[in-house]
N, C-alpha and C. Protein backbone atom coordinates (compact mmCIF):
# COMPACT_ATOMS: atom_id res chain seq x y z
N UNK A 1 95.38 68.41 -97.77
CA UNK A 1 93.98 68.42 -97.89
C UNK A 1 93.39 67.10 -98.36
N UNK A 2 94.13 66.39 -99.09
CA UNK A 2 93.60 65.11 -99.44
C UNK A 2 93.28 64.30 -98.19
N UNK A 3 94.07 64.56 -97.17
CA UNK A 3 93.80 63.84 -95.93
C UNK A 3 92.45 64.24 -95.35
N UNK A 4 92.18 65.51 -95.42
CA UNK A 4 90.92 66.00 -94.91
C UNK A 4 89.76 65.45 -95.73
N UNK A 5 89.99 65.36 -97.01
CA UNK A 5 88.94 64.82 -97.86
C UNK A 5 88.71 63.36 -97.57
N UNK A 6 89.78 62.64 -97.37
CA UNK A 6 89.63 61.22 -97.06
C UNK A 6 88.88 61.04 -95.75
N UNK A 7 89.23 61.90 -94.78
CA UNK A 7 88.55 61.83 -93.49
C UNK A 7 87.08 62.17 -93.66
N UNK A 8 86.80 63.18 -94.46
CA UNK A 8 85.41 63.59 -94.67
C UNK A 8 84.65 62.49 -95.40
N UNK A 9 85.31 61.86 -96.37
CA UNK A 9 84.67 60.76 -97.11
C UNK A 9 84.45 59.58 -96.18
N UNK A 10 85.47 59.31 -95.34
CA UNK A 10 85.33 58.23 -94.37
C UNK A 10 84.16 58.48 -93.42
N UNK A 11 84.06 59.69 -92.95
CA UNK A 11 83.00 60.06 -92.02
C UNK A 11 81.65 59.92 -92.71
N UNK A 12 81.61 60.40 -93.97
CA UNK A 12 80.36 60.27 -94.72
C UNK A 12 79.99 58.81 -94.96
N UNK A 13 80.97 58.01 -95.28
CA UNK A 13 80.73 56.60 -95.51
C UNK A 13 80.22 55.93 -94.23
N UNK A 14 80.87 56.29 -93.14
CA UNK A 14 80.44 55.71 -91.86
C UNK A 14 79.01 56.16 -91.53
N UNK A 15 78.74 57.40 -91.77
CA UNK A 15 77.39 57.90 -91.48
C UNK A 15 76.38 57.21 -92.40
N UNK A 16 76.77 57.00 -93.64
CA UNK A 16 75.89 56.32 -94.59
C UNK A 16 75.70 54.88 -94.16
N UNK A 17 76.82 54.24 -93.76
CA UNK A 17 76.72 52.85 -93.29
C UNK A 17 75.84 52.77 -92.05
N UNK A 18 76.03 53.72 -91.11
CA UNK A 18 75.21 53.74 -89.90
C UNK A 18 73.74 53.95 -90.26
N UNK A 19 73.53 54.87 -91.16
CA UNK A 19 72.14 55.14 -91.57
C UNK A 19 71.54 53.91 -92.23
N UNK A 20 72.34 53.25 -93.05
CA UNK A 20 71.86 52.04 -93.73
C UNK A 20 71.59 50.95 -92.70
N UNK A 21 72.53 50.79 -91.76
CA UNK A 21 72.34 49.77 -90.71
C UNK A 21 71.12 50.11 -89.86
N UNK A 22 71.00 51.39 -89.46
CA UNK A 22 69.85 51.80 -88.67
C UNK A 22 68.55 51.61 -89.45
N UNK A 23 68.59 51.94 -90.74
CA UNK A 23 67.40 51.76 -91.58
C UNK A 23 67.05 50.27 -91.67
N UNK A 24 68.09 49.43 -91.86
CA UNK A 24 67.87 47.99 -91.95
C UNK A 24 67.33 47.46 -90.62
N UNK A 25 67.94 47.90 -89.51
CA UNK A 25 67.46 47.48 -88.19
C UNK A 25 66.04 47.98 -87.94
N UNK A 26 65.79 49.22 -88.30
CA UNK A 26 64.45 49.78 -88.16
C UNK A 26 63.44 49.00 -88.98
N UNK A 27 63.81 48.68 -90.22
CA UNK A 27 62.92 47.89 -91.08
C UNK A 27 62.67 46.52 -90.51
N UNK A 28 63.77 45.90 -90.02
CA UNK A 28 63.62 44.57 -89.41
C UNK A 28 62.73 44.64 -88.18
N UNK A 29 62.96 45.70 -87.37
CA UNK A 29 62.14 45.87 -86.16
C UNK A 29 60.68 46.10 -86.52
N UNK A 30 60.43 46.95 -87.50
CA UNK A 30 59.05 47.20 -87.95
C UNK A 30 58.43 45.92 -88.49
N UNK A 31 59.20 45.18 -89.28
CA UNK A 31 58.70 43.90 -89.82
C UNK A 31 58.39 42.91 -88.72
N UNK A 32 59.31 42.84 -87.74
CA UNK A 32 59.09 41.92 -86.63
C UNK A 32 57.86 42.32 -85.83
N UNK A 33 57.72 43.64 -85.55
CA UNK A 33 56.56 44.11 -84.80
C UNK A 33 55.27 43.87 -85.58
N UNK A 34 55.33 44.09 -86.88
CA UNK A 34 54.15 43.84 -87.72
C UNK A 34 53.79 42.36 -87.69
N UNK A 35 54.81 41.52 -87.82
CA UNK A 35 54.58 40.07 -87.76
C UNK A 35 54.01 39.65 -86.42
N UNK A 36 54.56 40.22 -85.35
CA UNK A 36 54.08 39.92 -84.00
C UNK A 36 52.64 40.38 -83.83
N UNK A 37 52.37 41.60 -84.29
CA UNK A 37 51.00 42.13 -84.19
C UNK A 37 50.04 41.26 -84.99
N UNK A 38 50.47 40.86 -86.18
CA UNK A 38 49.64 39.98 -87.00
C UNK A 38 49.40 38.64 -86.32
N UNK A 39 50.46 38.10 -85.74
CA UNK A 39 50.34 36.82 -85.04
C UNK A 39 49.39 36.95 -83.85
N UNK A 40 49.51 38.05 -83.10
CA UNK A 40 48.63 38.27 -81.95
C UNK A 40 47.19 38.39 -82.42
N UNK A 41 46.95 39.12 -83.50
CA UNK A 41 45.59 39.26 -84.03
C UNK A 41 45.03 37.92 -84.48
N UNK A 42 45.85 37.14 -85.19
CA UNK A 42 45.40 35.82 -85.66
C UNK A 42 45.11 34.92 -84.45
N UNK A 43 46.00 34.95 -83.44
CA UNK A 43 45.80 34.14 -82.24
C UNK A 43 44.51 34.54 -81.53
N UNK A 44 44.31 35.85 -81.36
CA UNK A 44 43.10 36.32 -80.68
C UNK A 44 41.85 35.91 -81.45
N UNK A 45 41.90 36.01 -82.76
CA UNK A 45 40.74 35.63 -83.58
C UNK A 45 40.49 34.12 -83.47
N UNK A 46 41.57 33.34 -83.51
CA UNK A 46 41.43 31.88 -83.38
C UNK A 46 40.88 31.52 -81.99
N UNK A 47 41.36 32.20 -80.96
CA UNK A 47 40.88 31.93 -79.60
C UNK A 47 39.41 32.30 -79.46
N UNK A 48 39.01 33.41 -80.06
CA UNK A 48 37.60 33.83 -80.02
C UNK A 48 36.73 32.80 -80.75
N UNK A 49 37.20 32.34 -81.90
CA UNK A 49 36.46 31.34 -82.68
C UNK A 49 36.34 30.04 -81.88
N UNK A 50 37.44 29.63 -81.23
CA UNK A 50 37.41 28.42 -80.42
C UNK A 50 36.42 28.57 -79.26
N UNK A 51 36.47 29.73 -78.59
CA UNK A 51 35.57 29.98 -77.46
C UNK A 51 34.11 30.01 -77.92
N UNK A 52 33.86 30.63 -79.08
CA UNK A 52 32.49 30.63 -79.63
C UNK A 52 32.02 29.21 -79.91
N UNK A 53 32.94 28.37 -80.43
CA UNK A 53 32.59 26.97 -80.71
C UNK A 53 32.27 26.21 -79.43
N UNK A 54 33.07 26.45 -78.38
CA UNK A 54 32.83 25.80 -77.09
C UNK A 54 31.47 26.22 -76.54
N UNK A 55 31.18 27.51 -76.59
CA UNK A 55 29.90 28.01 -76.07
C UNK A 55 28.73 27.45 -76.89
N UNK A 56 28.90 27.35 -78.20
CA UNK A 56 27.84 26.80 -79.04
C UNK A 56 27.59 25.33 -78.70
N UNK A 57 28.69 24.56 -78.50
CA UNK A 57 28.54 23.14 -78.14
C UNK A 57 27.87 23.00 -76.77
N UNK A 58 28.24 23.88 -75.83
CA UNK A 58 27.62 23.82 -74.51
C UNK A 58 26.12 24.12 -74.60
N UNK A 59 25.77 25.10 -75.42
CA UNK A 59 24.35 25.44 -75.60
C UNK A 59 23.60 24.27 -76.25
N UNK A 60 24.22 23.64 -77.25
CA UNK A 60 23.60 22.48 -77.90
C UNK A 60 23.44 21.33 -76.92
N UNK A 61 24.47 21.09 -76.10
CA UNK A 61 24.39 20.02 -75.10
C UNK A 61 23.28 20.30 -74.10
N UNK A 62 23.17 21.54 -73.65
CA UNK A 62 22.12 21.90 -72.70
C UNK A 62 20.74 21.70 -73.32
N UNK A 63 20.59 22.08 -74.57
CA UNK A 63 19.31 21.91 -75.26
C UNK A 63 18.99 20.43 -75.45
N UNK A 64 20.01 19.65 -75.78
CA UNK A 64 19.81 18.20 -75.95
C UNK A 64 19.39 17.56 -74.62
N UNK A 65 20.05 17.95 -73.52
CA UNK A 65 19.65 17.43 -72.20
C UNK A 65 18.22 17.85 -71.87
N UNK A 66 17.86 19.09 -72.19
CA UNK A 66 16.50 19.56 -71.93
C UNK A 66 15.49 18.75 -72.75
N UNK A 67 15.83 18.42 -74.00
CA UNK A 67 14.94 17.60 -74.83
C UNK A 67 14.75 16.21 -74.23
N UNK A 68 15.84 15.63 -73.76
CA UNK A 68 15.76 14.29 -73.16
C UNK A 68 14.91 14.35 -71.90
N UNK A 69 15.12 15.37 -71.08
CA UNK A 69 14.31 15.51 -69.86
C UNK A 69 12.84 15.72 -70.19
N UNK A 70 12.57 16.59 -71.18
CA UNK A 70 11.17 16.83 -71.56
C UNK A 70 10.50 15.51 -71.93
N UNK A 71 11.16 14.71 -72.74
CA UNK A 71 10.60 13.43 -73.15
C UNK A 71 10.34 12.52 -71.96
N UNK A 72 11.30 12.46 -71.05
CA UNK A 72 11.15 11.61 -69.86
C UNK A 72 10.02 12.11 -68.98
N UNK A 73 9.88 13.43 -68.84
CA UNK A 73 8.84 13.99 -67.98
C UNK A 73 7.45 13.77 -68.58
N UNK A 74 7.34 13.90 -69.89
CA UNK A 74 6.05 13.65 -70.56
C UNK A 74 5.67 12.18 -70.39
N UNK A 75 6.64 11.29 -70.57
CA UNK A 75 6.37 9.86 -70.39
C UNK A 75 5.96 9.56 -68.95
N UNK A 76 6.62 10.22 -67.99
CA UNK A 76 6.26 10.03 -66.58
C UNK A 76 4.82 10.45 -66.32
N UNK A 77 4.43 11.61 -66.84
CA UNK A 77 3.06 12.09 -66.64
C UNK A 77 2.05 11.12 -67.27
N UNK A 78 2.34 10.68 -68.49
CA UNK A 78 1.40 9.77 -69.18
C UNK A 78 1.30 8.43 -68.47
N UNK A 79 2.46 7.86 -68.11
CA UNK A 79 2.42 6.54 -67.47
C UNK A 79 1.82 6.63 -66.06
N UNK A 80 2.02 7.75 -65.39
CA UNK A 80 1.44 7.94 -64.06
C UNK A 80 -0.09 7.99 -64.15
N UNK A 81 -0.59 8.75 -65.12
CA UNK A 81 -2.05 8.84 -65.29
C UNK A 81 -2.66 7.49 -65.67
N UNK A 82 -1.97 6.75 -66.54
CA UNK A 82 -2.49 5.44 -66.93
C UNK A 82 -2.48 4.49 -65.73
N UNK A 83 -1.41 4.55 -64.93
CA UNK A 83 -1.33 3.71 -63.73
C UNK A 83 -2.50 4.01 -62.78
N UNK A 84 -2.75 5.30 -62.55
CA UNK A 84 -3.85 5.67 -61.64
C UNK A 84 -5.17 5.17 -62.20
N UNK A 85 -5.38 5.30 -63.51
CA UNK A 85 -6.62 4.81 -64.12
C UNK A 85 -6.77 3.30 -63.93
N UNK A 86 -5.69 2.56 -64.17
CA UNK A 86 -5.75 1.09 -64.05
C UNK A 86 -5.90 0.65 -62.59
N UNK A 87 -5.27 1.38 -61.68
CA UNK A 87 -5.42 1.07 -60.25
C UNK A 87 -6.86 1.31 -59.81
N UNK A 88 -7.44 2.40 -60.30
CA UNK A 88 -8.84 2.70 -59.98
C UNK A 88 -9.76 1.60 -60.52
N UNK A 89 -9.52 1.18 -61.76
CA UNK A 89 -10.34 0.14 -62.37
C UNK A 89 -10.19 -1.19 -61.63
N UNK A 90 -8.96 -1.50 -61.21
CA UNK A 90 -8.74 -2.75 -60.48
C UNK A 90 -9.46 -2.73 -59.14
N UNK A 91 -9.35 -1.64 -58.43
CA UNK A 91 -10.02 -1.55 -57.13
C UNK A 91 -11.53 -1.61 -57.31
N UNK A 92 -12.05 -0.89 -58.29
CA UNK A 92 -13.51 -0.91 -58.53
C UNK A 92 -13.98 -2.31 -58.88
N UNK A 93 -13.20 -3.02 -59.70
CA UNK A 93 -13.58 -4.39 -60.08
C UNK A 93 -13.56 -5.31 -58.88
N UNK A 94 -12.67 -5.05 -57.94
CA UNK A 94 -12.60 -5.92 -56.76
C UNK A 94 -13.84 -5.78 -55.88
N UNK A 95 -14.55 -4.67 -56.01
CA UNK A 95 -15.76 -4.46 -55.22
C UNK A 95 -16.97 -5.19 -55.80
N UNK A 96 -16.89 -5.63 -57.03
CA UNK A 96 -18.04 -6.27 -57.68
C UNK A 96 -18.01 -7.77 -57.40
N UNK A 97 -19.03 -8.26 -56.72
CA UNK A 97 -19.02 -9.68 -56.34
C UNK A 97 -19.10 -10.63 -57.54
N UNK A 98 -19.64 -10.16 -58.66
CA UNK A 98 -19.76 -11.06 -59.82
C UNK A 98 -18.41 -11.34 -60.48
N UNK A 99 -17.38 -10.55 -60.17
CA UNK A 99 -16.05 -10.82 -60.73
C UNK A 99 -15.39 -11.94 -59.94
N UNK A 100 -15.02 -12.98 -60.65
CA UNK A 100 -14.35 -14.12 -59.99
C UNK A 100 -12.90 -13.76 -59.71
N UNK A 101 -12.27 -14.60 -58.90
CA UNK A 101 -10.85 -14.40 -58.60
C UNK A 101 -10.04 -14.47 -59.90
N UNK A 102 -10.46 -15.34 -60.81
CA UNK A 102 -9.78 -15.45 -62.10
C UNK A 102 -9.93 -14.15 -62.90
N UNK A 103 -11.13 -13.56 -62.88
CA UNK A 103 -11.35 -12.28 -63.56
C UNK A 103 -10.43 -11.20 -62.98
N UNK A 104 -10.33 -11.21 -61.67
CA UNK A 104 -9.51 -10.20 -60.99
C UNK A 104 -8.03 -10.36 -61.36
N UNK A 105 -7.57 -11.59 -61.36
CA UNK A 105 -6.16 -11.83 -61.70
C UNK A 105 -5.88 -11.49 -63.17
N UNK A 106 -6.86 -11.78 -64.02
CA UNK A 106 -6.69 -11.44 -65.44
C UNK A 106 -6.61 -9.91 -65.60
N UNK A 107 -7.49 -9.18 -64.94
CA UNK A 107 -7.46 -7.72 -65.03
C UNK A 107 -6.14 -7.18 -64.46
N UNK A 108 -5.73 -7.78 -63.37
CA UNK A 108 -4.49 -7.32 -62.75
C UNK A 108 -3.29 -7.58 -63.67
N UNK A 109 -3.22 -8.76 -64.25
CA UNK A 109 -2.05 -9.09 -65.07
C UNK A 109 -2.09 -8.45 -66.46
N UNK A 110 -3.28 -8.28 -67.03
CA UNK A 110 -3.37 -7.75 -68.39
C UNK A 110 -3.42 -6.23 -68.47
N UNK A 111 -3.94 -5.59 -67.44
CA UNK A 111 -4.11 -4.13 -67.52
C UNK A 111 -3.31 -3.39 -66.44
N UNK A 112 -3.49 -3.84 -65.21
CA UNK A 112 -2.86 -3.11 -64.11
C UNK A 112 -1.33 -3.26 -64.12
N UNK A 113 -0.84 -4.50 -64.22
CA UNK A 113 0.61 -4.71 -64.14
C UNK A 113 1.38 -4.04 -65.29
N UNK A 114 0.88 -4.04 -66.53
CA UNK A 114 1.60 -3.30 -67.58
C UNK A 114 1.68 -1.80 -67.26
N UNK A 115 0.60 -1.24 -66.70
CA UNK A 115 0.63 0.18 -66.33
C UNK A 115 1.60 0.40 -65.17
N UNK A 116 1.61 -0.52 -64.23
CA UNK A 116 2.53 -0.47 -63.09
C UNK A 116 3.98 -0.51 -63.59
N UNK A 117 4.27 -1.46 -64.48
CA UNK A 117 5.62 -1.62 -65.03
C UNK A 117 6.04 -0.38 -65.81
N UNK A 118 5.14 0.17 -66.60
CA UNK A 118 5.46 1.38 -67.38
C UNK A 118 5.81 2.55 -66.46
N UNK A 119 5.08 2.68 -65.36
CA UNK A 119 5.38 3.76 -64.43
C UNK A 119 6.72 3.55 -63.74
N UNK A 120 7.01 2.31 -63.36
CA UNK A 120 8.31 2.02 -62.74
C UNK A 120 9.43 2.37 -63.72
N UNK A 121 9.26 2.01 -64.98
CA UNK A 121 10.29 2.33 -66.00
C UNK A 121 10.41 3.84 -66.18
N UNK A 122 9.30 4.54 -66.19
CA UNK A 122 9.34 6.01 -66.34
C UNK A 122 10.05 6.66 -65.16
N UNK A 123 9.75 6.18 -63.97
CA UNK A 123 10.42 6.72 -62.77
C UNK A 123 11.93 6.49 -62.85
N UNK A 124 12.33 5.31 -63.31
CA UNK A 124 13.76 5.00 -63.43
C UNK A 124 14.42 5.90 -64.47
N UNK A 125 13.76 6.10 -65.59
CA UNK A 125 14.31 6.97 -66.64
C UNK A 125 14.46 8.40 -66.14
N UNK A 126 13.43 8.90 -65.48
CA UNK A 126 13.50 10.26 -64.95
C UNK A 126 14.61 10.38 -63.91
N UNK A 127 14.75 9.37 -63.09
CA UNK A 127 15.82 9.39 -62.07
C UNK A 127 17.19 9.52 -62.76
N UNK A 128 17.36 8.89 -63.90
CA UNK A 128 18.64 8.93 -64.62
C UNK A 128 18.90 10.29 -65.27
N UNK A 129 17.86 10.96 -65.75
CA UNK A 129 18.09 12.18 -66.55
C UNK A 129 17.81 13.48 -65.81
N UNK A 130 17.20 13.41 -64.65
CA UNK A 130 16.82 14.64 -63.97
C UNK A 130 17.99 15.21 -63.17
N UNK A 131 17.78 16.38 -62.64
CA UNK A 131 18.78 17.05 -61.82
C UNK A 131 18.73 16.51 -60.39
N UNK A 132 19.65 16.96 -59.56
CA UNK A 132 19.64 16.54 -58.14
C UNK A 132 18.34 16.96 -57.47
N UNK A 133 17.88 18.16 -57.78
CA UNK A 133 16.61 18.64 -57.20
C UNK A 133 15.45 17.77 -57.67
N UNK A 134 15.51 17.37 -58.94
CA UNK A 134 14.47 16.49 -59.48
C UNK A 134 14.45 15.15 -58.79
N UNK A 135 15.64 14.60 -58.49
CA UNK A 135 15.70 13.32 -57.78
C UNK A 135 15.06 13.41 -56.40
N UNK A 136 15.27 14.54 -55.75
CA UNK A 136 14.64 14.72 -54.43
C UNK A 136 13.12 14.76 -54.58
N UNK A 137 12.62 15.38 -55.65
CA UNK A 137 11.18 15.43 -55.89
C UNK A 137 10.59 14.07 -56.21
N UNK A 138 11.41 13.17 -56.76
CA UNK A 138 10.92 11.83 -57.09
C UNK A 138 10.64 10.99 -55.85
N UNK A 139 11.26 11.32 -54.75
CA UNK A 139 11.06 10.55 -53.52
C UNK A 139 9.58 10.59 -53.13
N UNK A 140 9.01 11.77 -53.11
CA UNK A 140 7.60 11.91 -52.74
C UNK A 140 6.71 11.19 -53.76
N UNK A 141 7.05 11.32 -55.03
CA UNK A 141 6.25 10.67 -56.07
C UNK A 141 6.32 9.16 -55.93
N UNK A 142 7.49 8.62 -55.63
CA UNK A 142 7.64 7.17 -55.43
C UNK A 142 6.85 6.69 -54.23
N UNK A 143 6.83 7.48 -53.18
CA UNK A 143 6.07 7.12 -51.96
C UNK A 143 4.59 7.04 -52.27
N UNK A 144 4.06 8.02 -52.98
CA UNK A 144 2.63 8.02 -53.29
C UNK A 144 2.29 6.90 -54.29
N UNK A 145 3.20 6.59 -55.18
CA UNK A 145 3.01 5.49 -56.14
C UNK A 145 2.85 4.16 -55.38
N UNK A 146 3.72 3.93 -54.41
CA UNK A 146 3.64 2.70 -53.63
C UNK A 146 2.34 2.65 -52.81
N UNK A 147 1.89 3.79 -52.32
CA UNK A 147 0.66 3.85 -51.55
C UNK A 147 -0.55 3.48 -52.42
N UNK A 148 -0.60 4.01 -53.63
CA UNK A 148 -1.70 3.64 -54.54
C UNK A 148 -1.64 2.15 -54.86
N UNK A 149 -0.45 1.66 -55.12
CA UNK A 149 -0.28 0.23 -55.42
C UNK A 149 -0.82 -0.62 -54.28
N UNK A 150 -0.48 -0.24 -53.07
CA UNK A 150 -0.94 -0.99 -51.89
C UNK A 150 -2.47 -0.94 -51.80
N UNK A 151 -3.05 0.24 -51.97
CA UNK A 151 -4.51 0.38 -51.82
C UNK A 151 -5.26 -0.35 -52.94
N UNK A 152 -4.69 -0.36 -54.14
CA UNK A 152 -5.38 -0.99 -55.27
C UNK A 152 -5.31 -2.51 -55.22
N UNK A 153 -4.26 -3.05 -54.61
CA UNK A 153 -4.07 -4.50 -54.63
C UNK A 153 -4.26 -5.15 -53.27
N UNK A 154 -4.66 -4.39 -52.28
CA UNK A 154 -4.74 -4.91 -50.91
C UNK A 154 -6.11 -5.52 -50.62
N UNK A 155 -6.72 -6.12 -51.57
CA UNK A 155 -7.96 -6.83 -51.33
C UNK A 155 -7.61 -8.31 -51.28
N UNK A 156 -8.41 -9.06 -50.66
CA UNK A 156 -8.12 -10.50 -50.60
C UNK A 156 -9.38 -11.31 -50.89
N UNK A 157 -9.16 -12.58 -51.15
CA UNK A 157 -10.26 -13.46 -51.55
C UNK A 157 -11.32 -13.59 -50.46
N UNK A 158 -10.90 -13.59 -49.21
CA UNK A 158 -11.85 -13.71 -48.09
C UNK A 158 -12.83 -12.54 -48.09
N UNK A 159 -12.30 -11.30 -48.21
CA UNK A 159 -13.17 -10.13 -48.26
C UNK A 159 -14.14 -10.23 -49.43
N UNK A 160 -13.62 -10.66 -50.56
CA UNK A 160 -14.48 -10.75 -51.75
C UNK A 160 -15.53 -11.84 -51.58
N UNK A 161 -15.14 -12.97 -50.99
CA UNK A 161 -16.08 -14.09 -50.82
C UNK A 161 -17.20 -13.71 -49.85
N UNK A 162 -16.82 -13.01 -48.79
CA UNK A 162 -17.83 -12.62 -47.80
C UNK A 162 -18.62 -11.40 -48.25
N UNK A 163 -18.08 -10.70 -49.23
CA UNK A 163 -18.72 -9.48 -49.69
C UNK A 163 -18.25 -8.31 -48.85
N UNK A 164 -18.04 -7.24 -49.47
CA UNK A 164 -17.59 -6.04 -48.77
C UNK A 164 -18.79 -5.37 -48.11
N UNK A 165 -18.63 -4.98 -46.88
CA UNK A 165 -19.68 -4.20 -46.24
C UNK A 165 -19.59 -2.78 -46.79
N UNK A 166 -20.69 -2.07 -46.65
CA UNK A 166 -20.70 -0.68 -47.14
C UNK A 166 -19.63 0.14 -46.41
N UNK A 167 -19.50 -0.12 -45.13
CA UNK A 167 -18.49 0.60 -44.34
C UNK A 167 -17.07 0.30 -44.85
N UNK A 168 -16.83 -0.98 -45.15
CA UNK A 168 -15.52 -1.38 -45.67
C UNK A 168 -15.26 -0.75 -47.04
N UNK A 169 -16.28 -0.78 -47.89
CA UNK A 169 -16.14 -0.16 -49.22
C UNK A 169 -15.83 1.33 -49.10
N UNK A 170 -16.56 2.00 -48.22
CA UNK A 170 -16.34 3.44 -48.04
C UNK A 170 -14.93 3.73 -47.53
N UNK A 171 -14.48 2.90 -46.60
CA UNK A 171 -13.13 3.09 -46.05
C UNK A 171 -12.07 2.87 -47.13
N UNK A 172 -12.18 1.77 -47.88
CA UNK A 172 -11.21 1.48 -48.94
C UNK A 172 -11.23 2.57 -50.01
N UNK A 173 -12.42 3.01 -50.37
CA UNK A 173 -12.54 4.06 -51.39
C UNK A 173 -11.90 5.36 -50.92
N UNK A 174 -12.17 5.74 -49.68
CA UNK A 174 -11.61 6.98 -49.13
C UNK A 174 -10.08 6.91 -49.05
N UNK A 175 -9.56 5.76 -48.61
CA UNK A 175 -8.11 5.60 -48.53
C UNK A 175 -7.48 5.67 -49.92
N UNK A 176 -8.14 5.02 -50.88
CA UNK A 176 -7.61 5.04 -52.24
C UNK A 176 -7.65 6.44 -52.83
N UNK A 177 -8.77 7.13 -52.67
CA UNK A 177 -8.88 8.49 -53.21
C UNK A 177 -7.88 9.43 -52.56
N UNK A 178 -7.63 9.26 -51.28
CA UNK A 178 -6.63 10.07 -50.60
C UNK A 178 -5.24 9.80 -51.18
N UNK A 179 -4.92 8.52 -51.40
CA UNK A 179 -3.63 8.16 -51.99
C UNK A 179 -3.52 8.71 -53.41
N UNK A 180 -4.61 8.62 -54.16
CA UNK A 180 -4.62 9.15 -55.53
C UNK A 180 -4.39 10.66 -55.53
N UNK A 181 -5.08 11.38 -54.64
CA UNK A 181 -4.90 12.83 -54.54
C UNK A 181 -3.46 13.19 -54.20
N UNK A 182 -2.87 12.45 -53.26
CA UNK A 182 -1.47 12.71 -52.88
C UNK A 182 -0.53 12.46 -54.05
N UNK A 183 -0.81 11.39 -54.79
CA UNK A 183 0.03 11.05 -55.94
C UNK A 183 -0.06 12.13 -57.02
N UNK A 184 -1.26 12.52 -57.34
CA UNK A 184 -1.42 13.53 -58.40
C UNK A 184 -0.84 14.89 -57.96
N UNK A 185 -0.98 15.22 -56.68
CA UNK A 185 -0.37 16.46 -56.17
C UNK A 185 1.15 16.38 -56.24
N UNK A 186 1.72 15.23 -55.90
CA UNK A 186 3.17 15.06 -55.97
C UNK A 186 3.64 15.13 -57.42
N UNK A 187 2.86 14.55 -58.33
CA UNK A 187 3.21 14.62 -59.76
C UNK A 187 3.17 16.06 -60.26
N UNK A 188 2.11 16.80 -59.92
CA UNK A 188 2.02 18.21 -60.33
C UNK A 188 3.19 19.01 -59.78
N UNK A 189 3.49 18.80 -58.51
CA UNK A 189 4.60 19.51 -57.87
C UNK A 189 5.92 19.20 -58.59
N UNK A 190 6.14 17.93 -58.89
CA UNK A 190 7.36 17.53 -59.58
C UNK A 190 7.42 18.17 -60.97
N UNK A 191 6.33 18.09 -61.71
CA UNK A 191 6.32 18.63 -63.07
C UNK A 191 6.45 20.17 -63.08
N UNK A 192 5.85 20.85 -62.10
CA UNK A 192 6.01 22.30 -62.02
C UNK A 192 7.48 22.67 -61.81
N UNK A 193 8.14 21.92 -60.92
CA UNK A 193 9.57 22.16 -60.68
C UNK A 193 10.38 21.82 -61.93
N UNK A 194 10.03 20.74 -62.57
CA UNK A 194 10.76 20.28 -63.74
C UNK A 194 10.60 21.24 -64.92
N UNK A 195 9.47 21.91 -64.99
CA UNK A 195 9.23 22.84 -66.11
C UNK A 195 10.30 23.92 -66.17
N UNK A 196 10.81 24.33 -65.03
CA UNK A 196 11.86 25.36 -65.01
C UNK A 196 13.16 24.84 -65.60
N UNK A 197 13.38 23.53 -65.55
CA UNK A 197 14.61 22.94 -66.09
C UNK A 197 14.58 22.87 -67.61
N UNK A 198 13.41 22.68 -68.18
CA UNK A 198 13.35 22.33 -69.60
C UNK A 198 12.70 23.39 -70.49
N UNK A 199 12.20 24.45 -69.90
CA UNK A 199 11.57 25.49 -70.72
C UNK A 199 12.46 26.70 -70.82
């Protein structure tokens, strides 16, 4: 019987060892799974935080671009209106016979050309910051700008010396007003389109 007892003790010991090993393996497995689950949760949280940061930066960048565009578009509108005013004044002054050629050149260089230059700079700035659709809209605006420039400065000393006939004055005025209307319509059209980009 001692043999039977030894066998029974051996069997019990083996079962205890197996149970201990299984318990240790189970604990290790549970620990590993817990660690893995924790790592996955931490990774997912870090990824979500990173993605939120990327989206926030993209939103800030979009808002910053919209601010830059708004500023450029406001400057374009202001410089365009000043240019039209100065072009109108230059053309009107050219119709007055008492203004000498020197007076005309002074008005052109001191008032008209600075307004002209400011508009050219505004157009260049807008071209740099606007969208592809905005660049297409600038083509029409540039065309009307050149037309006003031509009409405002297309007087010559001979016409002034001989005096403008009423018919000539009416023709020049009508052409200029038509160019001005086209320019302001192109500006409104551009700004209406641009408003969707920045608002």
